């Protein structure tokens, strides 16, 4: 059974660290940063989705921009214990995917 692309990709994950990853393609401050020419974007994904499903879903969602996914790295973030008014609870765990696109591709409208 094939999953729908929007059930695999939940949302784009925008944090300070993820925006820094997106900006690495334009960095020229050192030799190692000049080699990072491929843009990287971070998404929240379904916990049961694998890397192939994630890559196909990203290409399907952004099909009008004709992007090509080069690599997908996934990370499982475990729930953290949190105390609220003396009661112990847990935050939700989630899975995020760092998607590397081909050189020249972009998900933003500026390019």
N, C-alpha and C. Protein backbone atom coordinates (compact mmCIF):
# COMPACT_ATOMS: atom_id res chain seq x y z
N UNK A 1 0.84 -1.19 0.00
CA UNK A 1 0.00 0.00 0.00
C UNK A 1 0.88 1.25 0.00
N UNK A 2 0.62 2.15 -0.93
CA UNK A 2 1.42 3.36 -1.07
C UNK A 2 0.83 4.47 -0.20
N UNK A 3 1.71 5.13 0.52
CA UNK A 3 1.28 6.23 1.38
C UNK A 3 1.20 7.52 0.57
N UNK A 4 0.34 8.42 1.00
CA UNK A 4 0.22 9.74 0.38
C UNK A 4 1.42 10.58 0.80
N UNK A 5 1.88 11.46 -0.08
CA UNK A 5 3.08 12.26 0.18
C UNK A 5 2.92 13.15 1.41
N UNK A 6 1.71 13.70 1.61
CA UNK A 6 1.50 14.59 2.74
C UNK A 6 1.32 13.83 4.05
N UNK A 7 1.11 12.52 4.01
CA UNK A 7 1.09 11.74 5.25
C UNK A 7 2.51 11.34 5.66
N UNK A 8 3.44 11.34 4.72
CA UNK A 8 4.85 11.05 5.03
C UNK A 8 5.54 12.32 5.53
N UNK A 9 5.39 13.42 4.79
CA UNK A 9 6.00 14.70 5.17
C UNK A 9 4.97 15.51 5.95
N UNK A 10 5.25 15.74 7.22
CA UNK A 10 4.29 16.46 8.06
C UNK A 10 4.44 17.97 7.90
N UNK A 11 5.66 18.49 8.04
CA UNK A 11 5.87 19.93 7.92
C UNK A 11 7.36 20.21 7.76
N UNK A 12 7.65 21.44 7.40
CA UNK A 12 9.04 21.87 7.35
C UNK A 12 9.45 22.28 8.75
N UNK A 13 10.64 21.91 9.15
CA UNK A 13 11.13 22.15 10.50
C UNK A 13 12.08 23.34 10.46
N UNK A 14 11.61 24.48 10.94
CA UNK A 14 12.40 25.71 10.86
C UNK A 14 12.89 26.07 12.26
N UNK A 15 14.18 25.93 12.45
CA UNK A 15 14.85 26.34 13.68
C UNK A 15 16.09 27.14 13.29
N UNK A 16 16.78 27.63 14.29
CA UNK A 16 18.01 28.38 14.01
C UNK A 16 19.05 27.49 13.33
N UNK A 17 19.13 26.25 13.79
CA UNK A 17 20.10 25.32 13.23
C UNK A 17 19.74 24.91 11.80
N UNK A 18 18.44 24.73 11.53
CA UNK A 18 18.03 24.33 10.18
C UNK A 18 18.21 25.46 9.18
N UNK A 19 18.00 26.70 9.59
CA UNK A 19 18.25 27.82 8.68
C UNK A 19 19.74 28.00 8.44
N UNK A 20 20.58 27.65 9.41
CA UNK A 20 22.02 27.69 9.21
C UNK A 20 22.43 26.64 8.18
N UNK A 21 21.79 25.46 8.20
CA UNK A 21 22.07 24.42 7.21
C UNK A 21 21.69 24.88 5.80
N UNK A 22 20.58 25.60 5.69
CA UNK A 22 20.15 26.11 4.38
C UNK A 22 21.13 27.15 3.85
N UNK A 23 21.72 27.92 4.75
CA UNK A 23 22.64 28.98 4.34
C UNK A 23 24.04 28.51 4.04
N UNK A 24 24.36 27.24 4.28
CA UNK A 24 25.72 26.75 4.03
C UNK A 24 26.09 26.79 2.55
N UNK A 25 25.09 26.71 1.67
CA UNK A 25 25.40 26.71 0.23
C UNK A 25 25.96 28.05 -0.22
N UNK A 26 25.68 29.13 0.53
CA UNK A 26 26.16 30.47 0.17
C UNK A 26 27.38 30.90 0.97
N UNK A 27 27.85 30.05 1.90
CA UNK A 27 28.96 30.43 2.77
C UNK A 27 30.29 30.33 2.03
N UNK A 28 31.14 31.31 2.24
CA UNK A 28 32.46 31.34 1.60
C UNK A 28 33.57 31.64 2.59
N UNK A 29 33.33 31.44 3.88
CA UNK A 29 34.30 31.87 4.88
C UNK A 29 35.48 30.92 5.02
N UNK A 30 35.34 29.64 4.64
CA UNK A 30 36.47 28.72 4.73
C UNK A 30 36.42 27.73 3.58
N UNK A 31 37.50 26.98 3.39
CA UNK A 31 37.57 26.02 2.29
C UNK A 31 36.54 24.90 2.45
N UNK A 32 36.34 24.45 3.68
CA UNK A 32 35.40 23.34 3.89
C UNK A 32 33.96 23.79 3.66
N UNK A 33 33.63 25.04 3.97
CA UNK A 33 32.28 25.54 3.74
C UNK A 33 32.02 25.82 2.26
N UNK A 34 33.06 26.13 1.49
CA UNK A 34 32.89 26.34 0.06
C UNK A 34 32.49 25.05 -0.65
N UNK A 35 32.84 23.90 -0.07
CA UNK A 35 32.49 22.61 -0.67
C UNK A 35 31.02 22.25 -0.46
N UNK A 36 30.34 22.92 0.46
CA UNK A 36 28.92 22.65 0.73
C UNK A 36 28.07 23.43 -0.26
N UNK A 37 27.99 22.94 -1.49
CA UNK A 37 27.25 23.68 -2.51
C UNK A 37 25.80 23.20 -2.65
N UNK A 38 25.46 22.07 -2.06
CA UNK A 38 24.10 21.55 -2.15
C UNK A 38 23.25 22.09 -1.01
N UNK A 39 22.04 22.57 -1.31
CA UNK A 39 21.16 23.07 -0.25
C UNK A 39 20.58 21.93 0.58
N UNK A 40 20.40 22.16 1.87
CA UNK A 40 19.83 21.16 2.78
C UNK A 40 18.62 21.77 3.48
N UNK A 41 17.55 20.96 3.59
CA UNK A 41 16.31 21.39 4.24
C UNK A 41 15.90 20.32 5.24
N UNK A 42 15.25 20.75 6.32
CA UNK A 42 14.85 19.85 7.39
C UNK A 42 13.32 19.76 7.43
N UNK A 43 12.80 18.53 7.52
CA UNK A 43 11.36 18.29 7.56
C UNK A 43 11.02 17.36 8.71
N UNK A 44 9.83 17.54 9.30
CA UNK A 44 9.28 16.56 10.23
C UNK A 44 8.58 15.51 9.40
N UNK A 45 8.86 14.23 9.67
CA UNK A 45 8.31 13.15 8.85
C UNK A 45 7.63 12.12 9.73
N UNK A 46 6.88 11.23 9.10
CA UNK A 46 6.24 10.13 9.79
C UNK A 46 7.30 9.21 10.38
N UNK A 47 7.06 8.72 11.59
CA UNK A 47 8.08 7.90 12.27
C UNK A 47 8.32 6.56 11.59
N UNK A 48 7.37 6.10 10.78
CA UNK A 48 7.53 4.81 10.11
C UNK A 48 8.03 4.94 8.68
N UNK A 49 8.25 6.15 8.20
CA UNK A 49 8.70 6.37 6.82
C UNK A 49 10.19 6.09 6.69
N UNK A 50 10.57 5.48 5.56
CA UNK A 50 11.99 5.25 5.32
C UNK A 50 12.54 6.32 4.37
N UNK A 51 13.85 6.27 4.11
CA UNK A 51 14.51 7.33 3.35
C UNK A 51 14.03 7.40 1.90
N UNK A 52 13.74 6.27 1.30
CA UNK A 52 13.28 6.24 -0.09
C UNK A 52 11.90 6.87 -0.20
N UNK A 53 11.01 6.55 0.74
CA UNK A 53 9.68 7.14 0.74
C UNK A 53 9.74 8.66 0.96
N UNK A 54 10.64 9.09 1.84
CA UNK A 54 10.79 10.52 2.12
C UNK A 54 11.27 11.25 0.86
N UNK A 55 12.27 10.69 0.17
CA UNK A 55 12.80 11.33 -1.04
C UNK A 55 11.73 11.44 -2.12
N UNK A 56 10.96 10.38 -2.33
CA UNK A 56 9.91 10.41 -3.36
C UNK A 56 8.80 11.39 -2.98
N UNK A 57 8.47 11.47 -1.69
CA UNK A 57 7.42 12.39 -1.25
C UNK A 57 7.84 13.84 -1.43
N UNK A 58 9.10 14.17 -1.14
CA UNK A 58 9.60 15.54 -1.32
C UNK A 58 9.56 15.91 -2.80
N UNK A 59 10.01 15.00 -3.67
CA UNK A 59 9.99 15.28 -5.10
C UNK A 59 8.56 15.43 -5.63
N UNK A 60 7.61 14.68 -5.05
CA UNK A 60 6.22 14.78 -5.48
C UNK A 60 5.58 16.09 -5.00
N UNK A 61 5.84 16.47 -3.76
CA UNK A 61 5.26 17.70 -3.22
C UNK A 61 5.78 18.93 -3.97
N UNK A 62 7.07 18.95 -4.26
CA UNK A 62 7.68 20.10 -4.94
C UNK A 62 7.91 19.79 -6.42
N UNK A 63 6.99 19.07 -7.06
CA UNK A 63 7.16 18.67 -8.46
C UNK A 63 7.15 19.87 -9.41
N UNK A 64 6.44 20.95 -9.06
CA UNK A 64 6.40 22.11 -9.95
C UNK A 64 7.75 22.83 -10.00
N UNK A 65 8.60 22.65 -8.99
CA UNK A 65 9.92 23.27 -8.98
C UNK A 65 10.97 22.36 -9.60
N UNK A 66 10.59 21.11 -9.92
CA UNK A 66 11.46 20.13 -10.58
C UNK A 66 12.78 19.93 -9.82
N UNK A 67 12.66 19.64 -8.53
CA UNK A 67 13.85 19.42 -7.72
C UNK A 67 14.24 17.95 -7.76
N UNK A 68 15.49 17.66 -7.43
CA UNK A 68 16.01 16.30 -7.37
C UNK A 68 16.66 16.11 -6.02
N UNK A 69 16.20 15.10 -5.25
CA UNK A 69 16.76 14.80 -3.94
C UNK A 69 18.00 13.94 -4.13
N UNK A 70 19.12 14.37 -3.57
CA UNK A 70 20.38 13.65 -3.67
C UNK A 70 20.54 12.68 -2.50
N UNK A 71 20.24 13.16 -1.27
CA UNK A 71 20.44 12.33 -0.08
C UNK A 71 19.42 12.69 0.97
N UNK A 72 19.11 11.70 1.83
CA UNK A 72 18.21 11.91 2.96
C UNK A 72 18.87 11.31 4.20
N UNK A 73 19.00 12.12 5.24
CA UNK A 73 19.48 11.64 6.54
C UNK A 73 18.36 11.79 7.54
N UNK A 74 18.11 10.74 8.36
CA UNK A 74 17.00 10.80 9.31
C UNK A 74 17.53 10.75 10.74
N UNK A 75 16.76 11.38 11.63
CA UNK A 75 17.12 11.44 13.04
C UNK A 75 15.86 11.21 13.86
N UNK A 76 15.92 10.28 14.82
CA UNK A 76 14.81 10.07 15.75
C UNK A 76 15.09 10.86 17.02
N UNK A 77 14.18 11.75 17.37
CA UNK A 77 14.31 12.55 18.59
C UNK A 77 13.43 11.90 19.64
N UNK A 78 14.05 11.46 20.73
CA UNK A 78 13.32 10.76 21.78
C UNK A 78 12.51 11.71 22.64
N UNK A 79 11.43 11.22 23.25
CA UNK A 79 10.67 12.08 24.17
C UNK A 79 11.52 12.46 25.38
N UNK A 80 11.33 13.67 25.87
CA UNK A 80 12.08 14.13 27.03
C UNK A 80 11.14 14.25 28.23
N UNK A 81 11.66 13.94 29.39
CA UNK A 81 10.88 14.05 30.61
C UNK A 81 10.75 15.51 31.00
N UNK A 82 9.53 15.89 31.40
CA UNK A 82 9.27 17.28 31.73
C UNK A 82 8.37 17.32 32.96
N UNK A 83 8.65 18.23 33.86
CA UNK A 83 7.85 18.37 35.07
C UNK A 83 7.01 19.64 34.98
N UNK A 84 5.70 19.48 35.11
CA UNK A 84 4.78 20.62 35.06
C UNK A 84 3.93 20.58 36.33
N UNK A 85 4.04 21.60 37.17
CA UNK A 85 3.30 21.72 38.43
C UNK A 85 3.44 20.46 39.30
N UNK A 86 4.64 19.92 39.35
CA UNK A 86 4.89 18.76 40.19
C UNK A 86 4.60 17.43 39.53
N UNK A 87 3.87 17.41 38.44
CA UNK A 87 3.57 16.17 37.73
C UNK A 87 4.62 15.91 36.66
N UNK A 88 5.00 14.65 36.51
CA UNK A 88 5.99 14.27 35.53
C UNK A 88 5.27 13.84 34.26
N UNK A 89 5.69 14.42 33.14
CA UNK A 89 5.13 14.06 31.85
C UNK A 89 6.26 13.97 30.83
N UNK A 90 5.89 13.74 29.60
CA UNK A 90 6.88 13.60 28.54
C UNK A 90 6.48 14.45 27.34
N UNK A 91 7.48 15.02 26.67
CA UNK A 91 7.22 15.69 25.40
C UNK A 91 7.07 14.63 24.32
N UNK A 92 6.53 15.00 23.18
CA UNK A 92 6.38 14.04 22.10
C UNK A 92 7.71 13.79 21.41
N UNK A 93 7.96 12.55 21.06
CA UNK A 93 9.11 12.22 20.24
C UNK A 93 8.73 12.38 18.78
N UNK A 94 9.72 12.59 17.92
CA UNK A 94 9.42 12.76 16.50
C UNK A 94 10.63 12.33 15.67
N UNK A 95 10.42 12.28 14.37
CA UNK A 95 11.48 11.93 13.43
C UNK A 95 11.65 13.09 12.47
N UNK A 96 12.89 13.49 12.24
CA UNK A 96 13.13 14.55 11.28
C UNK A 96 14.08 14.05 10.20
N UNK A 97 13.95 14.65 9.03
CA UNK A 97 14.77 14.25 7.89
C UNK A 97 15.50 15.47 7.34
N UNK A 98 16.81 15.31 7.14
CA UNK A 98 17.61 16.35 6.51
C UNK A 98 17.75 15.95 5.04
N UNK A 99 17.17 16.76 4.17
CA UNK A 99 17.10 16.43 2.74
C UNK A 99 18.10 17.30 1.99
N UNK A 100 19.00 16.66 1.24
CA UNK A 100 19.98 17.35 0.43
C UNK A 100 19.51 17.35 -1.01
N UNK A 101 19.46 18.53 -1.61
CA UNK A 101 19.03 18.67 -3.00
C UNK A 101 20.23 18.81 -3.92
N UNK A 102 19.98 18.72 -5.24
CA UNK A 102 21.05 18.93 -6.21
C UNK A 102 21.50 20.39 -6.20
N UNK A 103 22.70 20.63 -6.72
CA UNK A 103 23.21 21.99 -6.84
C UNK A 103 22.26 22.82 -7.70
N UNK A 104 21.95 24.02 -7.26
CA UNK A 104 21.09 24.90 -8.04
C UNK A 104 19.61 24.78 -7.70
N UNK A 105 19.18 23.68 -7.07
CA UNK A 105 17.79 23.52 -6.68
C UNK A 105 17.51 24.28 -5.39
N UNK A 106 16.28 24.74 -5.22
CA UNK A 106 15.90 25.47 -4.03
C UNK A 106 14.41 25.33 -3.81
N UNK A 107 14.00 25.29 -2.56
CA UNK A 107 12.57 25.24 -2.23
C UNK A 107 12.01 26.64 -1.99
N UNK A 108 12.88 27.61 -1.79
CA UNK A 108 12.45 28.97 -1.53
C UNK A 108 12.12 29.68 -2.84
N UNK A 109 11.30 30.72 -2.75
CA UNK A 109 10.85 31.44 -3.95
C UNK A 109 11.83 32.49 -4.43
N UNK A 110 12.89 32.79 -3.66
CA UNK A 110 13.83 33.84 -4.07
C UNK A 110 14.63 33.43 -5.30
N UNK A 111 14.96 32.13 -5.44
CA UNK A 111 15.83 31.71 -6.53
C UNK A 111 15.07 31.53 -7.81
